[in-house]
C-alpha atoms as a PDB file:
ATOM      1  CA  MET A   1     143.314 107.285 301.761  1.00  0.00           C
ATOM      2  CA  PHE A   2     146.619 108.565 302.139  1.00  0.00           C
ATOM      3  CA  TRP A   3     149.745 109.861 304.067  1.00  0.00           C
ATOM      4  CA  LYS A   4     150.758 113.536 304.022  1.00  0.00           C
ATOM      5  CA  ASP A   5     154.254 112.821 306.339  1.00  0.00           C
ATOM      6  CA  ASN A   6     152.394 112.465 309.520  1.00  0.00           C
ATOM      7  CA  VAL A   7     149.221 112.714 308.570  1.00  0.00           C
ATOM      8  CA  LEU A   8     147.060 110.561 307.209  1.00  0.00           C
ATOM      9  CA  ILE A   9     144.487 112.250 304.877  1.00  0.00           C
ATOM     10  CA  GLY A  10     141.407 110.875 303.390  1.00  0.00           C
ATOM     11  CA  LYS A  11     137.665 110.716 301.801  1.00  0.00           C
ATOM     12  CA  LEU A  12     134.169 109.287 303.229  1.00  0.00           C
ATOM     13  CA  GLU A  13     131.045 108.999 301.946  1.00  0.00           C
ATOM     14  CA  ILE A  14     128.399 109.555 304.756  1.00  0.00           C
ATOM     15  CA  LEU A  15     125.136 107.126 304.080  1.00  0.00           C
ATOM     16  CA  VAL A  16     121.793 108.803 304.703  1.00  0.00           C
ATOM     17  CA  SER A  17     118.868 107.458 304.615  1.00  0.00           C
ATOM     18  CA  GLU A  18     116.072 108.001 302.198  1.00  0.00           C
ATOM     19  CA  GLY A  19     113.378 109.736 304.808  1.00  0.00           C
ATOM     20  CA  PHE A  20     116.639 112.947 305.353  1.00  0.00           C
ATOM     21  CA  ARG A  21     117.083 113.371 302.330  1.00  0.00           C
ATOM     22  CA  ARG A  22     112.938 113.817 301.509  1.00  0.00           C
ATOM     23  CA  SER A  23     112.094 115.128 304.387  1.00  0.00           C
ATOM     24  CA  GLY A  24     115.232 115.877 306.680  1.00  0.00           C
ATOM     25  CA  ILE A  25     114.254 113.090 308.957  1.00  0.00           C
ATOM     26  CA  ILE A  26     116.985 111.495 310.931  1.00  0.00           C
ATOM     27  CA  SER A  27     116.529 107.854 311.103  1.00  0.00           C
ATOM     28  CA  CYS A  28     120.034 106.841 311.825  1.00  0.00           C
ATOM     29  CA  ASN A  29     123.593 107.431 312.541  1.00  0.00           C
ATOM     30  CA  GLY A  30     124.915 108.906 308.443  1.00  0.00           C
ATOM     31  CA  ASP A  31     121.883 111.534 309.176  1.00  0.00           C
ATOM     32  CA  LEU A  32     122.807 112.547 312.450  1.00  0.00           C
ATOM     33  CA  VAL A  33     126.040 113.111 311.216  1.00  0.00           C
ATOM     34  CA  ALA A  34     125.107 114.597 308.102  1.00  0.00           C
ATOM     35  CA  HIS A  35     122.661 116.843 309.938  1.00  0.00           C
ATOM     36  CA  TYR A  36     125.430 118.188 312.562  1.00  0.00           C
ATOM     37  CA  LEU A  37     128.080 119.075 308.884  1.00  0.00           C
ATOM     38  CA  GLY A  38     125.052 121.234 307.346  1.00  0.00           C
ATOM     39  CA  TYR A  39     124.821 122.762 310.602  1.00  0.00           C
ATOM     40  CA  GLY A  40     128.991 123.416 310.405  1.00  0.00           C
ATOM     41  CA  MET A  41     129.479 121.623 313.368  1.00  0.00           C
ATOM     42  CA  THR A  42     133.117 120.395 313.250  1.00  0.00           C
ATOM     43  CA  LEU A  43     133.626 116.381 313.663  1.00  0.00           C
ATOM     44  CA  GLY A  44     136.843 113.920 314.686  1.00  0.00           C
ATOM     45  CA  ILE A  45     137.005 110.954 313.126  1.00  0.00           C
ATOM     46  CA  SER A  46     138.649 108.272 315.385  1.00  0.00           C
ATOM     47  CA  SER A  47     139.865 104.726 314.298  1.00  0.00           C
ATOM     48  CA  ARG A  48     138.828 101.356 316.363  1.00  0.00           C
ATOM     49  CA  GLY A  49     141.092  98.876 315.822  1.00  0.00           C
ATOM     50  CA  VAL A  50     142.438  95.124 318.023  1.00  0.00           C
ATOM     51  CA  GLY A  51     145.844  93.893 318.272  1.00  0.00           C
ATOM     52  CA  SER A  52     149.468  93.630 320.210  1.00  0.00           C
ATOM     53  CA  LEU A  53     152.125  96.209 321.825  1.00  0.00           C
ATOM     54  CA  LYS A  54     155.446  96.058 323.033  1.00  0.00           C
ATOM     55  CA  LYS A  55     157.260  97.962 324.464  1.00  0.00           C
ATOM     56  CA  ILE A  56     160.574  99.327 322.862  1.00  0.00           C
ATOM     57  CA  ASN A  57     162.635 102.044 324.667  1.00  0.00           C
ATOM     58  CA  GLY A  58     160.267 102.682 326.951  1.00  0.00           C
ATOM     59  CA  LYS A  59     157.611 103.284 323.946  1.00  0.00           C
ATOM     60  CA  ASN A  60     154.436 100.920 323.106  1.00  0.00           C
ATOM     61  CA  VAL A  61     155.230 100.454 319.578  1.00  0.00           C
ATOM     62  CA  VAL A  62     152.098  98.277 317.807  1.00  0.00           C
ATOM     63  CA  GLN A  63     152.812  95.341 316.672  1.00  0.00           C
ATOM     64  CA  ASN A  64     152.240  93.797 313.170  1.00  0.00           C
ATOM     65  CA  ASP A  65     148.811  91.934 314.149  1.00  0.00           C
ATOM     66  CA  PHE A  66     147.313  95.088 314.664  1.00  0.00           C
ATOM     67  CA  GLU A  67     143.746  94.885 313.115  1.00  0.00           C
ATOM     68  CA  LEU A  68     141.326  98.067 311.675  1.00  0.00           C
ATOM     69  CA  ILE A  69     138.136  96.995 312.748  1.00  0.00           C
ATOM     70  CA  CYS A  70     136.805 100.720 311.813  1.00  0.00           C
ATOM     71  CA  TRP A  71     136.184 104.320 311.438  1.00  0.00           C
ATOM     72  CA  ASP A  72     133.989 106.417 314.401  1.00  0.00           C
ATOM     73  CA  ILE A  73     132.795 109.973 314.340  1.00  0.00           C
ATOM     74  CA  VAL A  74     133.636 111.568 317.415  1.00  0.00           C
ATOM     75  CA  SER A  75     132.237 114.550 318.615  1.00  0.00           C
ATOM     76  CA  SER A  76     136.309 114.666 320.440  1.00  0.00           C
ATOM     77  CA  PRO A  77     138.909 112.055 318.696  1.00  0.00           C
ATOM     78  CA  SER A  78     142.110 111.138 320.809  1.00  0.00           C
ATOM     79  CA  THR A  79     144.400 111.872 318.056  1.00  0.00           C
ATOM     80  CA  PRO A  80     144.695 115.722 318.363  1.00  0.00           C
ATOM     81  CA  GLY A  81     144.104 117.280 315.472  1.00  0.00           C
ATOM     82  CA  SER A  82     141.658 114.026 314.056  1.00  0.00           C
ATOM     83  CA  TYR A  83     138.681 116.603 312.145  1.00  0.00           C
ATOM     84  CA  LEU A  84     136.882 115.986 309.275  1.00  0.00           C
ATOM     85  CA  TYR A  85     137.787 118.553 306.790  1.00  0.00           C
ATOM     86  CA  LYS A  86     135.922 119.939 303.331  1.00  0.00           C
ATOM     87  CA  ASP A  87     139.230 120.825 301.915  1.00  0.00           C
ATOM     88  CA  ALA A  88     141.936 119.120 303.216  1.00  0.00           C
ATOM     89  CA  ASN A  89     145.035 121.725 303.487  1.00  0.00           C
ATOM     90  CA  ASP A  90     142.432 122.854 306.730  1.00  0.00           C
ATOM     91  CA  PHE A  91     144.058 120.254 308.975  1.00  0.00           C
ATOM     92  CA  ASN A  92     147.331 122.710 308.736  1.00  0.00           C
ATOM     93  CA  LYS A  93     145.952 124.633 311.652  1.00  0.00           C
ATOM     94  CA  TYR A  94     145.722 121.385 313.884  1.00  0.00           C
ATOM     95  CA  ASP A  95     148.849 119.398 312.868  1.00  0.00           C
ATOM     96  CA  GLU A  96     151.201 118.244 315.560  1.00  0.00           C
ATOM     97  CA  VAL A  97     154.195 119.598 315.617  1.00  0.00           C
ATOM     98  CA  LEU A  98     157.041 116.401 316.418  1.00  0.00           C
ATOM     99  CA  THR A  99     159.938 117.391 318.197  1.00  0.00           C
ATOM    100  CA  ASN A 100     163.527 115.286 316.296  1.00  0.00           C
ATOM    101  CA  ASN A 101     162.594 112.451 319.072  1.00  0.00           C
ATOM    102  CA  ASN A 102     159.549 112.104 317.886  1.00  0.00           C
ATOM    103  CA  GLU A 103     157.639 113.346 320.701  1.00  0.00           C
ATOM    104  CA  ILE A 104     154.664 115.655 320.655  1.00  0.00           C
ATOM    105  CA  GLU A 105     156.284 119.746 321.081  1.00  0.00           C
ATOM    106  CA  GLU A 106     152.576 121.683 321.348  1.00  0.00           C
ATOM    107  CA  THR A 107     149.945 121.060 319.911  1.00  0.00           C
ATOM    108  CA  LYS A 108     147.135 123.872 319.260  1.00  0.00           C
ATOM    109  CA  GLY A 109     143.643 124.104 318.188  1.00  0.00           C
ATOM    110  CA  MET A 110     140.961 126.227 318.078  1.00  0.00           C
ATOM    111  CA  ASN A 111     138.220 125.642 320.177  1.00  0.00           C
ATOM    112  CA  ARG A 112     134.856 124.551 318.259  1.00  0.00           C
ATOM    113  CA  ALA A 113     132.347 126.343 320.202  1.00  0.00           C
ATOM    114  CA  THR A 114     134.101 129.782 320.968  1.00  0.00           C
ATOM    115  CA  GLY A 115     136.571 130.196 318.666  1.00  0.00           C
ATOM    116  CA  GLU A 116     139.215 130.365 321.233  1.00  0.00           C
ATOM    117  CA  THR A 117     143.135 129.236 320.205  1.00  0.00           C
ATOM    118  CA  TYR A 118     144.291 126.610 322.700  1.00  0.00           C
ATOM    119  CA  THR A 119     147.367 125.245 323.535  1.00  0.00           C
ATOM    120  CA  GLY A 120     147.813 121.703 324.970  1.00  0.00           C
ATOM    121  CA  GLY A 121     150.305 123.005 328.269  1.00  0.00           C
ATOM    122  CA  GLU A 122     146.863 124.434 330.052  1.00  0.00           C
ATOM    123  CA  SER A 123     146.470 123.650 333.465  1.00  0.00           C
ATOM    124  CA  LYS A 124     143.235 121.369 334.112  1.00  0.00           C
ATOM    125  CA  GLU A 125     141.751 124.740 335.886  1.00  0.00           C
ATOM    126  CA  ASP A 126     141.888 127.104 332.744  1.00  0.00           C
ATOM    127  CA  LEU A 127     139.929 124.482 330.494  1.00  0.00           C
ATOM    128  CA  VAL A 128     137.392 123.606 333.573  1.00  0.00           C
ATOM    129  CA  ALA A 129     136.823 127.333 333.540  1.00  0.00           C
ATOM    130  CA  LYS A 130     136.468 127.351 329.905  1.00  0.00           C
ATOM    131  CA  LEU A 131     134.298 124.364 330.046  1.00  0.00           C
ATOM    132  CA  ASN A 132     131.993 126.820 332.394  1.00  0.00           C
ATOM    133  CA  LYS A 133     132.247 129.411 330.585  1.00  0.00           C
ATOM    134  CA  PHE A 134     131.064 127.758 327.472  1.00  0.00           C
ATOM    135  CA  LEU A 135     128.465 125.877 329.619  1.00  0.00           C
ATOM    136  CA  LYS A 136     127.194 129.316 331.502  1.00  0.00           C
ATOM    137  CA  PHE A 137     127.997 128.352 334.657  1.00  0.00           C
END
């Protein structure tokens, strides 16, 4: 792993079972991840860890006792733009734009199901309407 500006980039190995390799049988989480990627799904990645926070100038700051436990493959990561990509340059379309005071100005992304572009400024009602349209309610 390495940092490129404010983006952590790394490679991972997805462990799949012999049954998946030979016959496509899904018997573990790695098989399921490989199956989803094989169908072109975009998956997210999130970190899991423990440690303390200290409020400094109204912001929570992670302290030196933080311990990274693992990385999880998820459908919707909590950090904007934390997705798996085949090409490291693909992260640019989901990158956060930070203002001079290090606050997120706007987060842009793409709905993986519909291909529609969205911004972090959409209302709750707009998001629910898009979800209902996607689910065909």
